Amino acid sequence: MMFKIVITISMIVVVITFTILPYMRNAIKNNLKRKRYLDSGISDIDKMQGIEFEEFLKVHFERLGYHVKTTKTTNDYGADLILKKERNIIVVQAKRYKSRIGINAIQEVIGAIRYYKGMKGMVITNSYFTKNAINLAKANQIELWDRNKLIEVMLKNNGREISSQIINNVDGICPLCKGQLVEKVGPYGEFYGCKNYPKCDFRRKKRG
């Protein structure tokens, strides 16, 4: 009788060791990664690889209530993420770049909408878009998230909503480092930038 009890206990231990514990470790690992992405700032994104940026976006869109699927790393037909909520399908092109995003990204997501039978297309970047890219996106109803929009979404998902009055005010406070926002002029026109640049490169297009 005692021998049978020992055998039963041993089998239970084996089951726990090889099935339950790995599942728990993976769950803990995924939760930690999710928290890290939700707590990430724009400087963290700038250091990410392209695939990691896609995973970062996946976590944030899931936080917004979407069911998210990442596409293959090759032959993705112009989409990195497929978002679904109810009957809506949105295709997303993710661009973790240092330079401005041109029309190629817009053209890719336009094609992806047809292939994935999407209702809407988006291009998201940690950078900014060229004027031609913006014009092409407007003509094809493609939603663009540049660096500033991405920062807003990150802060909201982390419970730190930005006041539009603060962001758009020349005397406002930078939502990233709490420095002063000052009026500046760049190649693409006037904008509000952080006084602590280059340590902080937050900027916001001036609304005329």
C-alpha atoms as a PDB file:
ATOM      1  CA  MET A   1       0.000   0.000   0.000  1.00  0.00           C
ATOM      2  CA  MET A   2       2.761   2.405   0.978  1.00  0.00           C
ATOM      3  CA  PHE A   3       4.611   1.542  -2.234  1.00  0.00           C
ATOM      4  CA  LYS A   4       1.563   2.497  -4.334  1.00  0.00           C
ATOM      5  CA  ILE A   5       1.261   5.802  -2.483  1.00  0.00           C
ATOM      6  CA  VAL A   6       4.921   6.589  -3.141  1.00  0.00           C
ATOM      7  CA  ILE A   7       4.521   5.734  -6.836  1.00  0.00           C
ATOM      8  CA  THR A   8       1.415   7.939  -7.094  1.00  0.00           C
ATOM      9  CA  ILE A   9       3.164  10.857  -5.413  1.00  0.00           C
ATOM     10  CA  SER A  10       6.175  10.402  -7.689  1.00  0.00           C
ATOM     11  CA  MET A  11       3.953  10.489 -10.766  1.00  0.00           C
ATOM     12  CA  ILE A  12       2.267  13.666  -9.544  1.00  0.00           C
ATOM     13  CA  VAL A  13       5.659  15.289  -8.993  1.00  0.00           C
ATOM     14  CA  VAL A  14       6.752  14.305 -12.511  1.00  0.00           C
ATOM     15  CA  VAL A  15       3.571  15.747 -14.016  1.00  0.00           C
ATOM     16  CA  ILE A  16       4.023  19.015 -12.119  1.00  0.00           C
ATOM     17  CA  THR A  17       7.706  19.235 -13.045  1.00  0.00           C
ATOM     18  CA  PHE A  18       7.277  18.639 -16.769  1.00  0.00           C
ATOM     19  CA  THR A  19       3.893  20.257 -17.473  1.00  0.00           C
ATOM     20  CA  ILE A  20       2.686  22.742 -14.889  1.00  0.00           C
ATOM     21  CA  LEU A  21       6.007  24.361 -13.916  1.00  0.00           C
ATOM     22  CA  PRO A  22       7.073  25.157 -17.520  1.00  0.00           C
ATOM     23  CA  TYR A  23       3.627  26.655 -18.135  1.00  0.00           C
ATOM     24  CA  MET A  24       3.953  28.790 -15.006  1.00  0.00           C
ATOM     25  CA  ARG A  25       7.450  29.915 -15.976  1.00  0.00           C
ATOM     26  CA  ASN A  26       6.255  30.918 -19.439  1.00  0.00           C
ATOM     27  CA  ALA A  27       3.270  32.763 -17.976  1.00  0.00           C
ATOM     28  CA  ILE A  28       5.510  34.679 -15.572  1.00  0.00           C
ATOM     29  CA  LYS A  29       7.981  35.449 -18.366  1.00  0.00           C
ATOM     30  CA  ASN A  30       5.215  36.727 -20.655  1.00  0.00           C
ATOM     31  CA  ASN A  31       3.707  38.872 -17.906  1.00  0.00           C
ATOM     32  CA  LEU A  32       7.097  40.422 -17.166  1.00  0.00           C
ATOM     33  CA  LYS A  33       7.663  41.127 -20.864  1.00  0.00           C
ATOM     34  CA  ARG A  34       4.192  42.639 -21.165  1.00  0.00           C
ATOM     35  CA  LYS A  35       4.825  44.908 -18.174  1.00  0.00           C
ATOM     36  CA  ARG A  36       8.207  45.937 -19.585  1.00  0.00           C
ATOM     37  CA  TYR A  37       6.618  46.929 -22.890  1.00  0.00           C
ATOM     38  CA  LEU A  38       3.822  48.847 -21.180  1.00  0.00           C
ATOM     39  CA  ASP A  39       6.375  50.691 -19.038  1.00  0.00           C
ATOM     40  CA  SER A  40       8.704  51.424 -21.962  1.00  0.00           C
ATOM     41  CA  GLY A  41       9.436  54.962 -23.037  1.00  0.00           C
ATOM     42  CA  ILE A  42      10.311  56.304 -26.465  1.00  0.00           C
ATOM     43  CA  SER A  43      14.043  56.011 -25.733  1.00  0.00           C
ATOM     44  CA  ASP A  44      13.513  52.279 -25.110  1.00  0.00           C
ATOM     45  CA  ILE A  45      11.766  51.926 -28.465  1.00  0.00           C
ATOM     46  CA  ASP A  46      14.671  53.627 -30.221  1.00  0.00           C
ATOM     47  CA  LYS A  47      16.893  50.764 -29.025  1.00  0.00           C
ATOM     48  CA  MET A  48      14.534  47.975 -30.109  1.00  0.00           C
ATOM     49  CA  GLN A  49      14.970  45.708 -33.108  1.00  0.00           C
ATOM     50  CA  GLY A  50      12.172  45.650 -35.677  1.00  0.00           C
ATOM     51  CA  ILE A  51      10.615  42.399 -34.425  1.00  0.00           C
ATOM     52  CA  GLU A  52      10.720  43.619 -30.834  1.00  0.00           C
ATOM     53  CA  PHE A  53       8.950  46.820 -31.900  1.00  0.00           C
ATOM     54  CA  GLU A  54       6.184  44.690 -33.410  1.00  0.00           C
ATOM     55  CA  GLU A  55       5.831  42.761 -30.147  1.00  0.00           C
ATOM     56  CA  PHE A  56       5.733  46.060 -28.287  1.00  0.00           C
ATOM     57  CA  LEU A  57       2.867  47.279 -30.481  1.00  0.00           C
ATOM     58  CA  LYS A  58       1.074  43.963 -30.075  1.00  0.00           C
ATOM     59  CA  VAL A  59       1.010  44.392 -26.293  1.00  0.00           C
ATOM     60  CA  HIS A  60      -0.285  47.957 -26.530  1.00  0.00           C
ATOM     61  CA  PHE A  61      -3.032  47.120 -29.023  1.00  0.00           C
ATOM     62  CA  GLU A  62      -4.115  44.201 -26.849  1.00  0.00           C
ATOM     63  CA  ARG A  63      -4.376  46.715 -24.025  1.00  0.00           C
ATOM     64  CA  LEU A  64      -6.716  48.702 -26.279  1.00  0.00           C
ATOM     65  CA  GLY A  65      -8.977  45.676 -26.691  1.00  0.00           C
ATOM     66  CA  TYR A  66      -7.785  44.259 -30.014  1.00  0.00           C
ATOM     67  CA  HIS A  67      -7.045  40.663 -30.876  1.00  0.00           C
ATOM     68  CA  VAL A  68      -3.597  40.917 -32.457  1.00  0.00           C
ATOM     69  CA  LYS A  69      -1.759  38.566 -34.779  1.00  0.00           C
ATOM     70  CA  THR A  70       1.810  39.119 -35.943  1.00  0.00           C
ATOM     71  CA  THR A  71       2.645  38.129 -39.511  1.00  0.00           C
ATOM     72  CA  LYS A  72       5.667  36.192 -40.750  1.00  0.00           C
ATOM     73  CA  THR A  73       9.001  38.002 -40.652  1.00  0.00           C
ATOM     74  CA  THR A  74       9.327  37.398 -44.411  1.00  0.00           C
ATOM     75  CA  ASN A  75       6.681  37.564 -47.135  1.00  0.00           C
ATOM     76  CA  ASP A  76       4.322  39.521 -44.899  1.00  0.00           C
ATOM     77  CA  TYR A  77       2.625  41.188 -47.907  1.00  0.00           C
ATOM     78  CA  GLY A  78       3.085  44.633 -46.399  1.00  0.00           C
ATOM     79  CA  ALA A  79       1.637  44.078 -42.915  1.00  0.00           C
ATOM     80  CA  ASP A  80       3.382  43.351 -39.624  1.00  0.00           C
ATOM     81  CA  LEU A  81       0.278  43.176 -37.414  1.00  0.00           C
ATOM     82  CA  ILE A  82      -3.336  42.234 -38.061  1.00  0.00           C
ATOM     83  CA  LEU A  83      -5.769  43.804 -35.596  1.00  0.00           C
ATOM     84  CA  LYS A  84      -9.270  42.493 -35.069  1.00  0.00           C
ATOM     85  CA  LYS A  85     -12.077  43.917 -32.964  1.00  0.00           C
ATOM     86  CA  GLU A  86     -15.593  42.648 -33.575  1.00  0.00           C
ATOM     87  CA  ARG A  87     -15.814  42.605 -37.398  1.00  0.00           C
ATOM     88  CA  ASN A  88     -13.178  45.243 -38.026  1.00  0.00           C
ATOM     89  CA  ILE A  89      -9.834  44.191 -39.489  1.00  0.00           C
ATOM     90  CA  ILE A  90      -6.930  46.650 -39.460  1.00  0.00           C
ATOM     91  CA  VAL A  91      -3.558  46.006 -41.074  1.00  0.00           C
ATOM     92  CA  VAL A  92      -0.519  47.669 -39.525  1.00  0.00           C
ATOM     93  CA  GLN A  93       2.932  48.360 -40.928  1.00  0.00           C
ATOM     94  CA  ALA A  94       5.483  48.930 -38.129  1.00  0.00           C
ATOM     95  CA  LYS A  95       8.591  50.996 -38.890  1.00  0.00           C
ATOM     96  CA  ARG A  96      11.250  51.317 -36.198  1.00  0.00           C
ATOM     97  CA  TYR A  97      13.524  53.746 -38.046  1.00  0.00           C
ATOM     98  CA  LYS A  98      15.893  56.610 -37.366  1.00  0.00           C
ATOM     99  CA  SER A  99      15.104  58.415 -40.613  1.00  0.00           C
ATOM    100  CA  ARG A 100      11.780  59.709 -41.885  1.00  0.00           C
ATOM    101  CA  ILE A 101       9.336  57.233 -43.386  1.00  0.00           C
ATOM    102  CA  GLY A 102       8.704  57.643 -47.111  1.00  0.00           C
ATOM    103  CA  ILE A 103       5.967  56.566 -49.501  1.00  0.00           C
ATOM    104  CA  ASN A 104       7.128  52.936 -49.731  1.00  0.00           C
ATOM    105  CA  ALA A 105       5.603  52.115 -46.346  1.00  0.00           C
ATOM    106  CA  ILE A 106       2.304  53.670 -47.405  1.00  0.00           C
ATOM    107  CA  GLN A 107       2.278  51.727 -50.665  1.00  0.00           C
ATOM    108  CA  GLU A 108       3.001  48.481 -48.813  1.00  0.00           C
ATOM    109  CA  VAL A 109       0.116  48.868 -46.396  1.00  0.00           C
ATOM    110  CA  ILE A 110      -2.266  49.809 -49.224  1.00  0.00           C
ATOM    111  CA  GLY A 111      -1.490  46.469 -50.847  1.00  0.00           C
ATOM    112  CA  ALA A 112      -1.771  44.677 -47.505  1.00  0.00           C
ATOM    113  CA  ILE A 113      -5.319  45.944 -46.997  1.00  0.00           C
ATOM    114  CA  ARG A 114      -6.440  44.078 -50.094  1.00  0.00           C
ATOM    115  CA  TYR A 115      -4.481  40.919 -49.343  1.00  0.00           C
ATOM    116  CA  TYR A 116      -5.694  40.614 -45.734  1.00  0.00           C
ATOM    117  CA  LYS A 117      -9.181  41.922 -46.590  1.00  0.00           C
ATOM    118  CA  GLY A 118      -8.779  44.735 -44.122  1.00  0.00           C
ATOM    119  CA  MET A 119     -11.074  47.686 -43.609  1.00  0.00           C
ATOM    120  CA  LYS A 120      -8.317  50.075 -42.637  1.00  0.00           C
ATOM    121  CA  GLY A 121      -4.549  50.517 -42.819  1.00  0.00           C
ATOM    122  CA  MET A 122      -2.058  52.068 -40.413  1.00  0.00           C
ATOM    123  CA  VAL A 123       1.653  52.858 -40.455  1.00  0.00           C
ATOM    124  CA  ILE A 124       3.290  53.335 -37.065  1.00  0.00           C
ATOM    125  CA  THR A 125       6.802  54.627 -36.498  1.00  0.00           C
ATOM    126  CA  ASN A 126       9.069  55.950 -33.766  1.00  0.00           C
ATOM    127  CA  SER A 127      10.184  58.551 -36.314  1.00  0.00           C
ATOM    128  CA  TYR A 128       8.277  60.938 -38.588  1.00  0.00           C
ATOM    129  CA  PHE A 129       6.850  60.866 -42.113  1.00  0.00           C
ATOM    130  CA  THR A 130       7.917  62.724 -45.222  1.00  0.00           C
ATOM    131  CA  LYS A 131       5.486  65.191 -46.746  1.00  0.00           C
ATOM    132  CA  ASN A 132       4.918  62.885 -49.736  1.00  0.00           C
ATOM    133  CA  ALA A 133       4.123  59.973 -47.418  1.00  0.00           C
ATOM    134  CA  ILE A 134       1.600  62.099 -45.532  1.00  0.00           C
ATOM    135  CA  ASN A 135      -0.067  63.201 -48.770  1.00  0.00           C
ATOM    136  CA  LEU A 136      -0.285  59.632 -50.099  1.00  0.00           C
ATOM    137  CA  ALA A 137      -1.691  58.407 -46.786  1.00  0.00           C
ATOM    138  CA  LYS A 138      -4.387  61.085 -46.805  1.00  0.00           C
ATOM    139  CA  ALA A 139      -5.374  60.207 -50.369  1.00  0.00           C
ATOM    140  CA  ASN A 140      -5.824  56.554 -49.387  1.00  0.00           C
ATOM    141  CA  GLN A 141      -7.287  56.998 -45.879  1.00  0.00           C
ATOM    142  CA  ILE A 142      -4.226  55.441 -44.208  1.00  0.00           C
ATOM    143  CA  GLU A 143      -3.837  56.368 -40.545  1.00  0.00           C
ATOM    144  CA  LEU A 144      -0.347  57.500 -39.555  1.00  0.00           C
ATOM    145  CA  TRP A 145       1.142  57.329 -36.073  1.00  0.00           C
ATOM    146  CA  ASP A 146       4.365  59.283 -35.855  1.00  0.00           C
ATOM    147  CA  ARG A 147       6.664  59.633 -32.864  1.00  0.00           C
ATOM    148  CA  ASN A 148       4.382  62.044 -31.029  1.00  0.00           C
ATOM    149  CA  LYS A 149       1.224  59.977 -31.501  1.00  0.00           C
ATOM    150  CA  LEU A 150       3.091  56.880 -30.352  1.00  0.00           C
ATOM    151  CA  ILE A 151       4.189  58.670 -27.180  1.00  0.00           C
ATOM    152  CA  GLU A 152       0.587  59.708 -26.457  1.00  0.00           C
ATOM    153  CA  VAL A 153      -0.689  56.140 -26.807  1.00  0.00           C
ATOM    154  CA  MET A 154       2.101  54.766 -24.610  1.00  0.00           C
ATOM    155  CA  LEU A 155       1.405  57.222 -21.834  1.00  0.00           C
ATOM    156  CA  LYS A 156      -2.351  56.636 -21.972  1.00  0.00           C
ATOM    157  CA  ASN A 157      -1.919  52.868 -21.853  1.00  0.00           C
ATOM    158  CA  ASN A 158       0.291  53.327 -18.834  1.00  0.00           C
ATOM    159  CA  GLY A 159      -2.268  55.517 -17.097  1.00  0.00           C
ATOM    160  CA  ARG A 160      -0.448  58.773 -17.793  1.00  0.00           C
ATOM    161  CA  GLU A 161      -2.742  60.631 -20.155  1.00  0.00           C
ATOM    162  CA  ILE A 162      -1.309  63.786 -21.651  1.00  0.00           C
ATOM    163  CA  SER A 163      -3.268  66.993 -21.589  1.00  0.00           C
ATOM    164  CA  SER A 164      -3.589  68.376 -25.119  1.00  0.00           C
ATOM    165  CA  GLN A 165      -3.503  71.851 -23.620  1.00  0.00           C
ATOM    166  CA  ILE A 166      -0.077  71.146 -22.139  1.00  0.00           C
ATOM    167  CA  ILE A 167       1.289  69.530 -25.292  1.00  0.00           C
ATOM    168  CA  ASN A 168       0.193  72.273 -27.641  1.00  0.00           C
ATOM    169  CA  ASN A 169       1.119  75.186 -25.394  1.00  0.00           C
ATOM    170  CA  VAL A 170       4.485  76.776 -26.187  1.00  0.00           C
ATOM    171  CA  ASP A 171       4.970  77.277 -22.442  1.00  0.00           C
ATOM    172  CA  GLY A 172       3.825  73.755 -21.629  1.00  0.00           C
ATOM    173  CA  ILE A 173       5.626  70.901 -19.937  1.00  0.00           C
ATOM    174  CA  CYS A 174       7.298  68.035 -21.771  1.00  0.00           C
ATOM    175  CA  PRO A 175       5.366  64.821 -20.941  1.00  0.00           C
ATOM    176  CA  LEU A 176       8.589  62.788 -21.038  1.00  0.00           C
ATOM    177  CA  CYS A 177      11.106  64.683 -18.912  1.00  0.00           C
ATOM    178  CA  LYS A 178       9.011  67.536 -17.436  1.00  0.00           C
ATOM    179  CA  GLY A 179      11.204  70.090 -19.187  1.00  0.00           C
ATOM    180  CA  GLN A 180       9.795  73.207 -20.824  1.00  0.00           C
ATOM    181  CA  LEU A 181       8.370  73.051 -24.359  1.00  0.00           C
ATOM    182  CA  VAL A 182       9.682  75.848 -26.543  1.00  0.00           C
ATOM    183  CA  GLU A 183       8.897  76.965 -30.075  1.00  0.00           C
ATOM    184  CA  LYS A 184      11.378  75.814 -32.722  1.00  0.00           C
ATOM    185  CA  VAL A 185      11.718  75.832 -36.498  1.00  0.00           C
ATOM    186  CA  GLY A 186      12.834  72.801 -38.513  1.00  0.00           C
ATOM    187  CA  PRO A 187      13.022  71.717 -42.164  1.00  0.00           C
ATOM    188  CA  TYR A 188       9.303  70.867 -42.101  1.00  0.00           C
ATOM    189  CA  GLY A 189       8.070  73.990 -40.365  1.00  0.00           C
ATOM    190  CA  GLU A 190       7.436  75.232 -36.845  1.00  0.00           C
ATOM    191  CA  PHE A 191       7.044  72.856 -33.916  1.00  0.00           C
ATOM    192  CA  TYR A 192       7.276  72.668 -30.138  1.00  0.00           C
ATOM    193  CA  GLY A 193      10.351  70.890 -28.827  1.00  0.00           C
ATOM    194  CA  CYS A 194      11.759  70.052 -25.434  1.00  0.00           C
ATOM    195  CA  LYS A 195      14.258  72.519 -24.012  1.00  0.00           C
ATOM    196  CA  ASN A 196      16.357  69.587 -22.781  1.00  0.00           C
ATOM    197  CA  TYR A 197      17.214  68.463 -26.327  1.00  0.00           C
ATOM    198  CA  PRO A 198      19.298  66.397 -27.207  1.00  0.00           C
ATOM    199  CA  LYS A 199      18.815  64.501 -23.925  1.00  0.00           C
ATOM    200  CA  CYS A 200      15.078  64.547 -24.635  1.00  0.00           C
ATOM    201  CA  ASP A 201      13.846  64.814 -28.231  1.00  0.00           C
ATOM    202  CA  PHE A 202      10.101  65.135 -27.661  1.00  0.00           C
ATOM    203  CA  ARG A 203       8.507  67.352 -30.280  1.00  0.00           C
ATOM    204  CA  ARG A 204       5.010  68.338 -31.297  1.00  0.00           C
ATOM    205  CA  LYS A 205       3.903  69.874 -34.570  1.00  0.00           C
ATOM    206  CA  LYS A 206       2.633  73.401 -34.137  1.00  0.00           C
ATOM    207  CA  ARG A 207      -1.040  73.640 -34.989  1.00  0.00           C
ATOM    208  CA  GLY A 208      -1.775  76.692 -37.038  1.00  0.00           C
END
